[in-house]
Amino acid sequence: LLVAASVGLSNLAAAIGIGFGGVTA
């Protein structure tokens, strides 16, 4: 779980950037 969280943090950050453009289903 710690490995998964550490490699997933970049996805969290990138998804925040993507979300700025608007979030639809």
PDB file of all heavy atoms in Angstrom:
ATOM      1  N   LEU A   1       0.827  -1.206   0.000  1.00  0.00           N
ATOM      2  CA  LEU A   1       0.000   0.000   0.000  1.00  0.00           C
ATOM      3  C   LEU A   1       0.863   1.258   0.000  1.00  0.00           C
ATOM      4  O   LEU A   1       0.530   2.246  -0.677  1.00  0.00           O
ATOM      5  CB  LEU A   1      -0.930   0.007   1.217  1.00  0.00           C
ATOM      6  CG  LEU A   1      -2.134  -0.927   1.139  1.00  0.00           C
ATOM      7  CD1 LEU A   1      -2.861  -0.977   2.483  1.00  0.00           C
ATOM      8  CD2 LEU A   1      -3.088  -0.493   0.040  1.00  0.00           C
ATOM      9  N   LEU A   2       1.961   1.239   0.713  1.00  0.00           N
ATOM     10  CA  LEU A   2       2.858   2.396   0.731  1.00  0.00           C
ATOM     11  C   LEU A   2       3.511   2.620  -0.633  1.00  0.00           C
ATOM     12  O   LEU A   2       3.634   3.758  -1.092  1.00  0.00           O
ATOM     13  CB  LEU A   2       3.916   2.237   1.821  1.00  0.00           C
ATOM     14  CG  LEU A   2       3.388   2.293   3.255  1.00  0.00           C
ATOM     15  CD1 LEU A   2       4.499   1.978   4.244  1.00  0.00           C
ATOM     16  CD2 LEU A   2       2.751   3.632   3.549  1.00  0.00           C
ATOM     17  N   VAL A   3       3.917   1.521  -1.283  1.00  0.00           N
ATOM     18  CA  VAL A   3       4.475   1.637  -2.637  1.00  0.00           C
ATOM     19  C   VAL A   3       3.411   2.183  -3.583  1.00  0.00           C
ATOM     20  O   VAL A   3       3.672   3.085  -4.376  1.00  0.00           O
ATOM     21  CB  VAL A   3       5.014   0.271  -3.138  1.00  0.00           C
ATOM     22  CG1 VAL A   3       5.302   0.309  -4.628  1.00  0.00           C
ATOM     23  CG2 VAL A   3       6.249  -0.139  -2.357  1.00  0.00           C
ATOM     24  N   ALA A   4       2.194   1.661  -3.486  1.00  0.00           N
ATOM     25  CA  ALA A   4       1.101   2.112  -4.356  1.00  0.00           C
ATOM     26  C   ALA A   4       0.813   3.593  -4.133  1.00  0.00           C
ATOM     27  O   ALA A   4       0.612   4.345  -5.095  1.00  0.00           O
ATOM     28  CB  ALA A   4      -0.157   1.280  -4.093  1.00  0.00           C
ATOM     29  N   ALA A   5       0.803   4.024  -2.880  1.00  0.00           N
ATOM     30  CA  ALA A   5       0.543   5.434  -2.591  1.00  0.00           C
ATOM     31  C   ALA A   5       1.668   6.318  -3.126  1.00  0.00           C
ATOM     32  O   ALA A   5       1.407   7.377  -3.699  1.00  0.00           O
ATOM     33  CB  ALA A   5       0.369   5.644  -1.089  1.00  0.00           C
ATOM     34  N   SER A   6       2.899   5.855  -2.974  1.00  0.00           N
ATOM     35  CA  SER A   6       4.021   6.691  -3.425  1.00  0.00           C
ATOM     36  C   SER A   6       4.036   6.838  -4.943  1.00  0.00           C
ATOM     37  O   SER A   6       4.301   7.923  -5.457  1.00  0.00           O
ATOM     38  CB  SER A   6       5.354   6.147  -2.918  1.00  0.00           C
ATOM     39  OG  SER A   6       5.678   4.939  -3.557  1.00  0.00           O
ATOM     40  N   VAL A   7       3.739   5.768  -5.681  1.00  0.00           N
ATOM     41  CA  VAL A   7       3.724   5.900  -7.140  1.00  0.00           C
ATOM     42  C   VAL A   7       2.450   6.588  -7.625  1.00  0.00           C
ATOM     43  O   VAL A   7       2.421   7.140  -8.717  1.00  0.00           O
ATOM     44  CB  VAL A   7       3.931   4.544  -7.874  1.00  0.00           C
ATOM     45  CG1 VAL A   7       5.261   3.938  -7.527  1.00  0.00           C
ATOM     46  CG2 VAL A   7       2.810   3.571  -7.602  1.00  0.00           C
ATOM     47  N   GLY A   8       1.408   6.591  -6.814  1.00  0.00           N
ATOM     48  CA  GLY A   8       0.155   7.226  -7.203  1.00  0.00           C
ATOM     49  C   GLY A   8       0.094   8.723  -6.922  1.00  0.00           C
ATOM     50  O   GLY A   8      -0.803   9.406  -7.404  1.00  0.00           O
ATOM     51  N   LEU A   9       1.057   9.241  -6.150  1.00  0.00           N
ATOM     52  CA  LEU A   9       1.034  10.668  -5.825  1.00  0.00           C
ATOM     53  C   LEU A   9       1.179  11.555  -7.058  1.00  0.00           C
ATOM     54  O   LEU A   9       0.570  12.625  -7.131  1.00  0.00           O
ATOM     55  CB  LEU A   9       2.120  10.999  -4.804  1.00  0.00           C
ATOM     56  CG  LEU A   9       1.821  10.554  -3.374  1.00  0.00           C
ATOM     57  CD1 LEU A   9       3.001  10.864  -2.475  1.00  0.00           C
ATOM     58  CD2 LEU A   9       0.552  11.195  -2.844  1.00  0.00           C
ATOM     59  N   SER A  10       1.959  11.108  -8.025  1.00  0.00           N
ATOM     60  CA  SER A  10       2.083  11.910  -9.247  1.00  0.00           C
ATOM     61  C   SER A  10       0.749  11.950 -10.000  1.00  0.00           C
ATOM     62  O   SER A  10       0.406  12.957 -10.607  1.00  0.00           O
ATOM     63  CB  SER A  10       3.204  11.381 -10.139  1.00  0.00           C
ATOM     64  OG  SER A  10       2.982  10.034 -10.487  1.00  0.00           O
ATOM     65  N   ASN A  11      -0.017  10.863  -9.927  1.00  0.00           N
ATOM     66  CA  ASN A  11      -1.341  10.856 -10.556  1.00  0.00           C
ATOM     67  C   ASN A  11      -2.284  11.815  -9.839  1.00  0.00           C
ATOM     68  O   ASN A  11      -3.084  12.490 -10.484  1.00  0.00           O
ATOM     69  CB  ASN A  11      -1.940   9.454 -10.547  1.00  0.00           C
ATOM     70  CG  ASN A  11      -1.307   8.561 -11.561  1.00  0.00           C
ATOM     71  OD1 ASN A  11      -0.135   8.714 -11.882  1.00  0.00           O
ATOM     72  ND2 ASN A  11      -2.039   7.602 -12.052  1.00  0.00           N
ATOM     73  N   LEU A  12      -2.194  11.871  -8.519  1.00  0.00           N
ATOM     74  CA  LEU A  12      -3.016  12.800  -7.755  1.00  0.00           C
ATOM     75  C   LEU A  12      -2.728  14.230  -8.209  1.00  0.00           C
ATOM     76  O   LEU A  12      -3.651  14.989  -8.518  1.00  0.00           O
ATOM     77  CB  LEU A  12      -2.726  12.656  -6.253  1.00  0.00           C
ATOM     78  CG  LEU A  12      -3.381  13.699  -5.340  1.00  0.00           C
ATOM     79  CD1 LEU A  12      -4.876  13.473  -5.242  1.00  0.00           C
ATOM     80  CD2 LEU A  12      -2.751  13.667  -3.961  1.00  0.00           C
ATOM     81  N   ALA A  13      -1.462  14.575  -8.267  1.00  0.00           N
ATOM     82  CA  ALA A  13      -1.078  15.930  -8.658  1.00  0.00           C
ATOM     83  C   ALA A  13      -1.513  16.245 -10.093  1.00  0.00           C
ATOM     84  O   ALA A  13      -2.047  17.321 -10.369  1.00  0.00           O
ATOM     85  CB  ALA A  13       0.427  16.109  -8.503  1.00  0.00           C
ATOM     86  N   ALA A  14      -1.286  15.314 -11.006  1.00  0.00           N
ATOM     87  CA  ALA A  14      -1.682  15.544 -12.401  1.00  0.00           C
ATOM     88  C   ALA A  14      -3.202  15.637 -12.535  1.00  0.00           C
ATOM     89  O   ALA A  14      -3.714  16.457 -13.303  1.00  0.00           O
ATOM     90  CB  ALA A  14      -1.133  14.442 -13.294  1.00  0.00           C
ATOM     91  N   ALA A  15      -3.922  14.806 -11.780  1.00  0.00           N
ATOM     92  CA  ALA A  15      -5.385  14.832 -11.850  1.00  0.00           C
ATOM     93  C   ALA A  15      -5.934  16.155 -11.324  1.00  0.00           C
ATOM     94  O   ALA A  15      -6.953  16.647 -11.820  1.00  0.00           O
ATOM     95  CB  ALA A  15      -5.978  13.660 -11.070  1.00  0.00           C
ATOM     96  N   ILE A  16      -5.267  16.750 -10.339  1.00  0.00           N
ATOM     97  CA  ILE A  16      -5.684  18.077  -9.875  1.00  0.00           C
ATOM     98  C   ILE A  16      -5.584  19.062 -11.043  1.00  0.00           C
ATOM     99  O   ILE A  16      -6.502  19.834 -11.302  1.00  0.00           O
ATOM    100  CB  ILE A  16      -4.833  18.542  -8.680  1.00  0.00           C
ATOM    101  CG1 ILE A  16      -5.170  17.703  -7.434  1.00  0.00           C
ATOM    102  CG2 ILE A  16      -5.065  20.036  -8.387  1.00  0.00           C
ATOM    103  CD1 ILE A  16      -4.232  17.920  -6.262  1.00  0.00           C
ATOM    104  N   GLY A  17      -4.467  19.001 -11.772  1.00  0.00           N
ATOM    105  CA  GLY A  17      -4.290  19.882 -12.930  1.00  0.00           C
ATOM    106  C   GLY A  17      -5.329  19.638 -14.001  1.00  0.00           C
ATOM    107  O   GLY A  17      -5.879  20.581 -14.583  1.00  0.00           O
ATOM    108  N   ILE A  18      -5.628  18.391 -14.269  1.00  0.00           N
ATOM    109  CA  ILE A  18      -6.646  18.060 -15.274  1.00  0.00           C
ATOM    110  C   ILE A  18      -8.009  18.546 -14.803  1.00  0.00           C
ATOM    111  O   ILE A  18      -8.796  19.076 -15.583  1.00  0.00           O
ATOM    112  CB  ILE A  18      -6.658  16.542 -15.554  1.00  0.00           C
ATOM    113  CG1 ILE A  18      -5.360  16.125 -16.241  1.00  0.00           C
ATOM    114  CG2 ILE A  18      -7.875  16.153 -16.400  1.00  0.00           C
ATOM    115  CD1 ILE A  18      -5.154  14.620 -16.322  1.00  0.00           C
ATOM    116  N   GLY A  19      -8.298  18.369 -13.514  1.00  0.00           N
ATOM    117  CA  GLY A  19      -9.591  18.770 -12.966  1.00  0.00           C
ATOM    118  C   GLY A  19      -9.876  20.254 -13.076  1.00  0.00           C
ATOM    119  O   GLY A  19     -11.031  20.665 -13.136  1.00  0.00           O
ATOM    120  N   PHE A  20      -8.835  21.076 -13.124  1.00  0.00           N
ATOM    121  CA  PHE A  20      -9.021  22.514 -13.261  1.00  0.00           C
ATOM    122  C   PHE A  20      -9.787  22.854 -14.532  1.00  0.00           C
ATOM    123  O   PHE A  20     -10.449  23.877 -14.595  1.00  0.00           O
ATOM    124  CB  PHE A  20      -7.670  23.239 -13.271  1.00  0.00           C
ATOM    125  CG  PHE A  20      -7.235  23.710 -11.924  1.00  0.00           C
ATOM    126  CD1 PHE A  20      -6.564  22.856 -11.074  1.00  0.00           C
ATOM    127  CD2 PHE A  20      -7.495  24.998 -11.518  1.00  0.00           C
ATOM    128  CE1 PHE A  20      -6.160  23.284  -9.837  1.00  0.00           C
ATOM    129  CE2 PHE A  20      -7.090  25.439 -10.277  1.00  0.00           C
ATOM    130  CZ  PHE A  20      -6.425  24.579  -9.422  1.00  0.00           C
ATOM    131  N   GLY A  21      -9.680  22.020 -15.549  1.00  0.00           N
ATOM    132  CA  GLY A  21     -10.355  22.288 -16.811  1.00  0.00           C
ATOM    133  C   GLY A  21     -11.821  21.935 -16.797  1.00  0.00           C
ATOM    134  O   GLY A  21     -12.529  22.151 -17.768  1.00  0.00           O
ATOM    135  N   GLY A  22     -12.300  21.375 -15.704  1.00  0.00           N
ATOM    136  CA  GLY A  22     -13.692  20.968 -15.600  1.00  0.00           C
ATOM    137  C   GLY A  22     -13.795  19.459 -15.482  1.00  0.00           C
ATOM    138  O   GLY A  22     -13.037  18.736 -16.114  1.00  0.00           O
ATOM    139  N   VAL A  23     -14.708  19.001 -14.644  1.00  0.00           N
ATOM    140  CA  VAL A  23     -14.843  17.571 -14.379  1.00  0.00           C
ATOM    141  C   VAL A  23     -16.248  17.126 -14.734  1.00  0.00           C
ATOM    142  O   VAL A  23     -17.226  17.623 -14.188  1.00  0.00           O
ATOM    143  CB  VAL A  23     -14.539  17.243 -12.898  1.00  0.00           C
ATOM    144  CG1 VAL A  23     -14.674  15.765 -12.637  1.00  0.00           C
ATOM    145  CG2 VAL A  23     -13.150  17.726 -12.518  1.00  0.00           C
ATOM    146  N   THR A  24     -16.317  16.197 -15.674  1.00  0.00           N
ATOM    147  CA  THR A  24     -17.588  15.585 -16.037  1.00  0.00           C
ATOM    148  C   THR A  24     -17.491  14.093 -15.713  1.00  0.00           C
ATOM    149  O   THR A  24     -16.410  13.582 -15.408  1.00  0.00           O
ATOM    150  CB  THR A  24     -17.857  15.748 -17.544  1.00  0.00           C
ATOM    151  OG1 THR A  24     -16.836  15.039 -18.271  1.00  0.00           O
ATOM    152  CG2 THR A  24     -17.857  17.211 -17.969  1.00  0.00           C
ATOM    153  N   ALA A  25     -18.604  13.410 -15.802  1.00  0.00           N
ATOM    154  CA  ALA A  25     -18.587  11.957 -15.573  1.00  0.00           C
ATOM    155  C   ALA A  25     -17.655  11.287 -16.580  1.00  0.00           C
ATOM    156  O   ALA A  25     -16.905  10.360 -16.230  1.00  0.00           O
ATOM    157  CB  ALA A  25     -19.999  11.386 -15.678  1.00  0.00           C
TER     158      ALA A  25
END
